[in-house]
Structure formats: C-alpha cells, structure tokens
PDB file of N, CA and C in Angstrom:
ATOM      1  N   MET A   1     115.615  36.429 140.106  1.00  0.00           N
ATOM      2  CA  MET A   1     116.047  35.003 139.834  1.00  0.00           C
ATOM      3  C   MET A   1     116.670  34.373 141.263  1.00  0.00           C
ATOM      4  N   PRO A   2     116.070  33.827 142.102  1.00  0.00           N
ATOM      5  CA  PRO A   2     116.701  33.537 143.128  1.00  0.00           C
ATOM      6  C   PRO A   2     117.484  32.689 143.377  1.00  0.00           C
ATOM      7  N   LYS A   3     118.461  32.816 144.196  1.00  0.00           N
ATOM      8  CA  LYS A   3     120.250  32.349 144.448  1.00  0.00           C
ATOM      9  C   LYS A   3     119.538  31.073 144.529  1.00  0.00           C
ATOM     10  N   SER A   4     121.018  30.386 143.846  1.00  0.00           N
ATOM     11  CA  SER A   4     120.769  29.159 144.581  1.00  0.00           C
ATOM     12  C   SER A   4     121.828  28.306 144.868  1.00  0.00           C
ATOM     13  N   PHE A   5     121.933  27.175 145.467  1.00  0.00           N
ATOM     14  CA  PHE A   5     123.600  27.438 146.774  1.00  0.00           C
ATOM     15  C   PHE A   5     123.762  25.839 146.593  1.00  0.00           C
ATOM     16  N   THR A   6     124.915  25.201 146.520  1.00  0.00           N
ATOM     17  CA  THR A   6     125.415  23.905 146.540  1.00  0.00           C
ATOM     18  C   THR A   6     126.867  23.966 147.669  1.00  0.00           C
ATOM     19  N   VAL A   7     128.180  22.877 147.254  1.00  0.00           N
ATOM     20  CA  VAL A   7     128.683  22.987 148.399  1.00  0.00           C
ATOM     21  C   VAL A   7     130.002  22.821 147.649  1.00  0.00           C
ATOM     22  N   ASP A   8     131.026  23.569 148.187  1.00  0.00           N
ATOM     23  CA  ASP A   8     132.089  22.781 147.632  1.00  0.00           C
ATOM     24  C   ASP A   8     133.076  21.567 148.749  1.00  0.00           C
ATOM     25  N   GLY A   9     132.727  20.511 147.741  1.00  0.00           N
ATOM     26  CA  GLY A   9     132.624  19.728 147.840  1.00  0.00           C
ATOM     27  C   GLY A   9     134.180  19.183 149.250  1.00  0.00           C
ATOM     28  N   ALA A  10     135.303  19.412 148.265  1.00  0.00           N
ATOM     29  CA  ALA A  10     136.930  19.762 149.683  1.00  0.00           C
ATOM     30  C   ALA A  10     136.449  20.094 150.717  1.00  0.00           C
ATOM     31  N   LYS A  11     135.520  21.289 150.951  1.00  0.00           N
ATOM     32  CA  LYS A  11     135.695  22.319 151.419  1.00  0.00           C
ATOM     33  C   LYS A  11     134.367  21.767 153.450  1.00  0.00           C
ATOM     34  N   LEU A  12     133.485  20.586 152.584  1.00  0.00           N
ATOM     35  CA  LEU A  12     132.644  19.880 153.422  1.00  0.00           C
ATOM     36  C   LEU A  12     133.002  18.637 153.949  1.00  0.00           C
ATOM     37  N   THR A  13     134.440  17.824 153.142  1.00  0.00           N
ATOM     38  CA  THR A  13     135.458  17.062 153.558  1.00  0.00           C
ATOM     39  C   THR A  13     136.018  18.042 154.629  1.00  0.00           C
ATOM     40  N   GLN A  14     136.990  18.659 154.395  1.00  0.00           N
ATOM     41  CA  GLN A  14     137.544  19.180 155.666  1.00  0.00           C
ATOM     42  C   GLN A  14     136.846  19.667 156.770  1.00  0.00           C
ATOM     43  N   ALA A  15     135.629  20.906 156.417  1.00  0.00           N
ATOM     44  CA  ALA A  15     134.810  20.720 157.785  1.00  0.00           C
ATOM     45  C   ALA A  15     134.269  19.464 159.056  1.00  0.00           C
ATOM     46  N   ARG A  16     134.455  18.600 158.193  1.00  0.00           N
ATOM     47  CA  ARG A  16     133.094  17.490 158.669  1.00  0.00           C
ATOM     48  C   ARG A  16     134.729  16.543 159.615  1.00  0.00           C
ATOM     49  N   ILE A  17     135.443  16.826 159.021  1.00  0.00           N
ATOM     50  CA  ILE A  17     137.446  16.247 159.511  1.00  0.00           C
ATOM     51  C   ILE A  17     137.267  16.857 160.927  1.00  0.00           C
ATOM     52  N   GLU A  18     137.605  18.183 160.537  1.00  0.00           N
ATOM     53  CA  GLU A  18     137.976  19.541 161.413  1.00  0.00           C
ATOM     54  C   GLU A  18     136.827  19.367 162.474  1.00  0.00           C
ATOM     55  N   ALA A  19     135.861  19.021 162.765  1.00  0.00           N
ATOM     56  CA  ALA A  19     135.006  18.666 163.682  1.00  0.00           C
ATOM     57  C   ALA A  19     134.820  17.394 164.472  1.00  0.00           C
ATOM     58  N   GLY A  20     135.302  16.636 163.745  1.00  0.00           N
ATOM     59  CA  GLY A  20     135.838  15.024 164.463  1.00  0.00           C
ATOM     60  C   GLY A  20     134.819  14.338 164.250  1.00  0.00           C
ATOM     61  N   LEU A  21     134.250  14.150 163.111  1.00  0.00           N
ATOM     62  CA  LEU A  21     132.835  14.046 162.703  1.00  0.00           C
ATOM     63  C   LEU A  21     133.222  12.942 161.285  1.00  0.00           C
ATOM     64  N   SER A  22     132.956  11.547 161.316  1.00  0.00           N
ATOM     65  CA  SER A  22     132.958  10.831 160.476  1.00  0.00           C
ATOM     66  C   SER A  22     132.216  11.230 159.525  1.00  0.00           C
ATOM     67  N   MET A  23     132.062   9.813 158.555  1.00  0.00           N
ATOM     68  CA  MET A  23     130.881  10.052 157.038  1.00  0.00           C
ATOM     69  C   MET A  23     129.581   9.627 157.862  1.00  0.00           C
ATOM     70  N   GLU A  24     129.788   8.784 158.796  1.00  0.00           N
ATOM     71  CA  GLU A  24     129.071   7.899 159.464  1.00  0.00           C
ATOM     72  C   GLU A  24     128.119   8.948 160.465  1.00  0.00           C
ATOM     73  N   ASP A  25     128.644   9.520 161.434  1.00  0.00           N
ATOM     74  CA  ASP A  25     128.264  10.352 162.229  1.00  0.00           C
ATOM     75  C   ASP A  25     126.993  11.782 161.708  1.00  0.00           C
ATOM     76  N   VAL A  26     128.154  11.863 160.707  1.00  0.00           N
ATOM     77  CA  VAL A  26     126.736  13.170 159.826  1.00  0.00           C
ATOM     78  C   VAL A  26     125.456  12.633 159.131  1.00  0.00           C
ATOM     79  N   SER A  27     125.888  11.467 158.185  1.00  0.00           N
ATOM     80  CA  SER A  27     124.949  11.009 157.942  1.00  0.00           C
ATOM     81  C   SER A  27     123.411  10.608 158.990  1.00  0.00           C
ATOM     82  N   ALA A  28     123.736  10.019 160.206  1.00  0.00           N
ATOM     83  CA  ALA A  28     123.110   9.839 160.884  1.00  0.00           C
ATOM     84  C   ALA A  28     122.389  10.945 162.075  1.00  0.00           C
ATOM     85  N   VAL A  29     123.304  12.359 161.332  1.00  0.00           N
ATOM     86  CA  VAL A  29     122.421  13.326 162.261  1.00  0.00           C
ATOM     87  C   VAL A  29     121.271  14.059 160.949  1.00  0.00           C
ATOM     88  N   ILE A  30     122.079  14.041 159.820  1.00  0.00           N
ATOM     89  CA  ILE A  30     120.991  14.607 158.741  1.00  0.00           C
ATOM     90  C   ILE A  30     120.682  13.742 158.375  1.00  0.00           C
ATOM     91  N   GLY A  31     119.941  12.427 158.852  1.00  0.00           N
ATOM     92  CA  GLY A  31     118.618  11.912 158.358  1.00  0.00           C
ATOM     93  C   GLY A  31     119.271  11.288 156.868  1.00  0.00           C
ATOM     94  N   GLY A  32     120.394  11.007 156.592  1.00  0.00           N
ATOM     95  CA  GLY A  32     121.093  10.906 155.203  1.00  0.00           C
ATOM     96  C   GLY A  32     121.602   9.768 154.928  1.00  0.00           C
ATOM     97  N   ASN A  33     122.677   9.288 154.169  1.00  0.00           N
ATOM     98  CA  ASN A  33     123.010   7.937 154.910  1.00  0.00           C
ATOM     99  C   ASN A  33     124.969   8.293 154.029  1.00  0.00           C
ATOM    100  N   LYS A  34     125.799   7.278 154.280  1.00  0.00           N
ATOM    101  CA  LYS A  34     127.066   7.747 154.321  1.00  0.00           C
ATOM    102  C   LYS A  34     127.748   7.653 152.739  1.00  0.00           C
ATOM    103  N   SER A  35     126.791   7.110 151.929  1.00  0.00           N
ATOM    104  CA  SER A  35     127.089   7.276 150.504  1.00  0.00           C
ATOM    105  C   SER A  35     126.880   8.234 149.382  1.00  0.00           C
ATOM    106  N   SER A  36     125.254   8.741 150.219  1.00  0.00           N
ATOM    107  CA  SER A  36     124.889   9.805 149.956  1.00  0.00           C
ATOM    108  C   SER A  36     126.184  11.068 149.909  1.00  0.00           C
ATOM    109  N   LEU A  37     126.571  11.184 151.311  1.00  0.00           N
ATOM    110  CA  LEU A  37     127.408  12.124 152.138  1.00  0.00           C
ATOM    111  C   LEU A  37     128.758  12.567 151.461  1.00  0.00           C
ATOM    112  N   SER A  38     129.311  11.119 150.575  1.00  0.00           N
ATOM    113  CA  SER A  38     130.498  10.605 150.401  1.00  0.00           C
ATOM    114  C   SER A  38     130.441  11.037 148.912  1.00  0.00           C
ATOM    115  N   ARG A  39     129.071  11.467 148.212  1.00  0.00           N
ATOM    116  CA  ARG A  39     129.010  11.716 146.216  1.00  0.00           C
ATOM    117  C   ARG A  39     128.638  13.312 146.873  1.00  0.00           C
ATOM    118  N   TRP A  40     128.225  13.881 147.509  1.00  0.00           N
ATOM    119  CA  TRP A  40     128.344  15.536 148.335  1.00  0.00           C
ATOM    120  C   TRP A  40     129.789  15.716 147.913  1.00  0.00           C
ATOM    121  N   GLU A  41     130.664  15.187 148.979  1.00  0.00           N
ATOM    122  CA  GLU A  41     132.079  15.137 149.001  1.00  0.00           C
ATOM    123  C   GLU A  41     132.987  15.226 148.245  1.00  0.00           C
ATOM    124  N   ARG A  42     132.908  14.269 147.666  1.00  0.00           N
ATOM    125  CA  ARG A  42     133.182  14.641 145.658  1.00  0.00           C
ATOM    126  C   ARG A  42     132.989  15.162 144.553  1.00  0.00           C
ATOM    127  N   GLY A  43     131.439  15.710 144.710  1.00  0.00           N
ATOM    128  CA  GLY A  43     131.081  17.140 143.786  1.00  0.00           C
ATOM    129  C   GLY A  43     130.220  15.873 143.026  1.00  0.00           C
ATOM    130  N   ILE A  44     129.709  14.972 142.733  1.00  0.00           N
ATOM    131  CA  ILE A  44     129.073  13.688 141.837  1.00  0.00           C
ATOM    132  C   ILE A  44     127.187  14.585 141.761  1.00  0.00           C
ATOM    133  N   VAL A  45     127.293  14.651 142.955  1.00  0.00           N
ATOM    134  CA  VAL A  45     125.834  14.883 143.351  1.00  0.00           C
ATOM    135  C   VAL A  45     125.534  16.723 144.601  1.00  0.00           C
ATOM    136  N   HIS A  46     124.761  16.932 144.265  1.00  0.00           N
ATOM    137  CA  HIS A  46     124.328  17.770 145.166  1.00  0.00           C
ATOM    138  C   HIS A  46     123.277  17.790 145.675  1.00  0.00           C
ATOM    139  N   PRO A  47     123.507  18.303 147.427  1.00  0.00           N
ATOM    140  CA  PRO A  47     122.184  18.038 148.195  1.00  0.00           C
ATOM    141  C   PRO A  47     121.388  19.059 148.059  1.00  0.00           C
ATOM    142  N   THR A  48     120.095  19.036 148.644  1.00  0.00           N
ATOM    143  CA  THR A  48     119.242  19.722 148.722  1.00  0.00           C
ATOM    144  C   THR A  48     119.379  21.233 149.509  1.00  0.00           C
ATOM    145  N   GLU A  49     118.654  21.931 149.601  1.00  0.00           N
ATOM    146  CA  GLU A  49     119.277  23.341 150.211  1.00  0.00           C
ATOM    147  C   GLU A  49     118.944  22.798 151.363  1.00  0.00           C
ATOM    148  N   HIS A  50     117.834  21.547 152.045  1.00  0.00           N
ATOM    149  CA  HIS A  50     117.624  21.405 153.486  1.00  0.00           C
ATOM    150  C   HIS A  50     118.964  20.729 153.662  1.00  0.00           C
ATOM    151  N   GLY A  51     119.474  20.333 152.748  1.00  0.00           N
ATOM    152  CA  GLY A  51     120.473  19.104 153.199  1.00  0.00           C
ATOM    153  C   GLY A  51     121.994  20.096 153.453  1.00  0.00           C
ATOM    154  N   ILE A  52     121.825  21.122 152.711  1.00  0.00           N
ATOM    155  CA  ILE A  52     122.752  21.913 152.797  1.00  0.00           C
ATOM    156  C   ILE A  52     122.377  23.154 154.079  1.00  0.00           C
ATOM    157  N   LEU A  53     121.201  23.457 154.883  1.00  0.00           N
ATOM    158  CA  LEU A  53     121.591  23.995 156.128  1.00  0.00           C
ATOM    159  C   LEU A  53     121.406  22.667 157.216  1.00  0.00           C
ATOM    160  N   SER A  54     121.022  22.106 157.121  1.00  0.00           N
ATOM    161  CA  SER A  54     121.739  20.518 158.100  1.00  0.00           C
ATOM    162  C   SER A  54     123.162  21.071 158.276  1.00  0.00           C
ATOM    163  N   LEU A  55     123.714  20.520 157.274  1.00  0.00           N
ATOM    164  CA  LEU A  55     125.428  20.791 157.422  1.00  0.00           C
ATOM    165  C   LEU A  55     125.685  21.787 158.009  1.00  0.00           C
ATOM    166  N   ALA A  56     125.043  22.655 158.041  1.00  0.00           N
ATOM    167  CA  ALA A  56     125.906  23.901 158.468  1.00  0.00           C
ATOM    168  C   ALA A  56     125.851  24.487 159.639  1.00  0.00           C
ATOM    169  N   VAL A  57     124.739  24.149 160.024  1.00  0.00           N
ATOM    170  CA  VAL A  57     123.867  23.822 161.662  1.00  0.00           C
ATOM    171  C   VAL A  57     124.734  22.405 162.025  1.00  0.00           C
ATOM    172  N   LEU A  58     125.034  21.472 162.043  1.00  0.00           N
ATOM    173  CA  LEU A  58     125.704  20.724 162.256  1.00  0.00           C
ATOM    174  C   LEU A  58     127.370  20.834 162.481  1.00  0.00           C
ATOM    175  N   LEU A  59     127.611  21.432 161.814  1.00  0.00           N
ATOM    176  CA  LEU A  59     129.488  21.408 161.835  1.00  0.00           C
ATOM    177  C   LEU A  59     129.475  22.958 162.264  1.00  0.00           C
ATOM    178  N   LYS A  60     128.284  24.086 162.303  1.00  0.00           N
ATOM    179  CA  LYS A  60     128.632  25.355 163.025  1.00  0.00           C
ATOM    180  C   LYS A  60     129.677  25.963 161.969  1.00  0.00           C
ATOM    181  N   ARG A  61     129.062  26.089 160.630  1.00  0.00           N
ATOM    182  CA  ARG A  61     129.861  27.349 159.941  1.00  0.00           C
ATOM    183  C   ARG A  61     129.279  26.746 157.998  1.00  0.00           C
ATOM    184  N   THR A  62     129.836  27.550 157.897  1.00  0.00           N
ATOM    185  CA  THR A  62     128.976  27.663 156.614  1.00  0.00           C
ATOM    186  C   THR A  62     130.292  28.136 154.959  1.00  0.00           C
ATOM    187  N   ASP A  63     131.278  28.091 155.249  1.00  0.00           N
ATOM    188  CA  ASP A  63     132.479  28.316 154.460  1.00  0.00           C
ATOM    189  C   ASP A  63     132.593  27.304 152.920  1.00  0.00           C
ATOM    190  N   PHE A  64     131.806  26.601 153.317  1.00  0.00           N
ATOM    191  CA  PHE A  64     131.967  25.268 152.122  1.00  0.00           C
ATOM    192  C   PHE A  64     130.625  24.879 151.104  1.00  0.00           C
ATOM    193  N   ILE A  65     130.198  26.486 151.923  1.00  0.00           N
ATOM    194  CA  ILE A  65     128.454  26.896 150.894  1.00  0.00           C
ATOM    195  C   ILE A  65     129.275  27.343 149.835  1.00  0.00           C
ATOM    196  N   ARG A  66     128.399  27.771 148.266  1.00  0.00           N
ATOM    197  CA  ARG A  66     128.865  28.233 147.530  1.00  0.00           C
ATOM    198  C   ARG A  66     127.582  28.534 146.834  1.00  0.00           C
ATOM    199  N   GLU A  67     127.478  29.629 145.567  1.00  0.00           N
ATOM    200  CA  GLU A  67     126.575  29.923 145.101  1.00  0.00           C
ATOM    201  C   GLU A  67     126.974  29.035 143.709  1.00  0.00           C
ATOM    202  N   ARG A  68     125.875  28.818 143.306  1.00  0.00           N
ATOM    203  CA  ARG A  68     125.615  28.098 142.096  1.00  0.00           C
ATOM    204  C   ARG A  68     125.637  28.872 140.628  1.00  0.00           C
TER     205      ARG A  68
END
C-alpha cells in the first residue's frame, strides 16, 4: 500500500512564521486562499499531496510533513 502524507498544523504554522511569510503570502504563491491555509494549520482539513509539495518547496523544509 502506498504511503500517504499530511501536515502537522502547528509545525506548518511555525515554519511559515520562521520563513517570515504571512498566510496571504503563502496562499498567493501556492495558488490557494488564506482560509484553506488556515484550515490546514488548524488541522481541520488536509492539503493534497501537491499542496504539501508546494509548501515544502516554498518553505524550503519538510519537518512539518508527517505520514498519515
């Protein structure tokens, strides 16, 4: 069975803040919106694997990614 990944919302928030990016900044770059990113950071919904990859590239780190 292939592995599936999601994000740890608290670590994603920390990575975004440490990168000096606002929710609007991240949303504009990855093509989403601020409310979607907010739900990812709060763990209400999970991003697609494409969204996870986009976040990793933008933030230049992967420590917020976890296996489902």
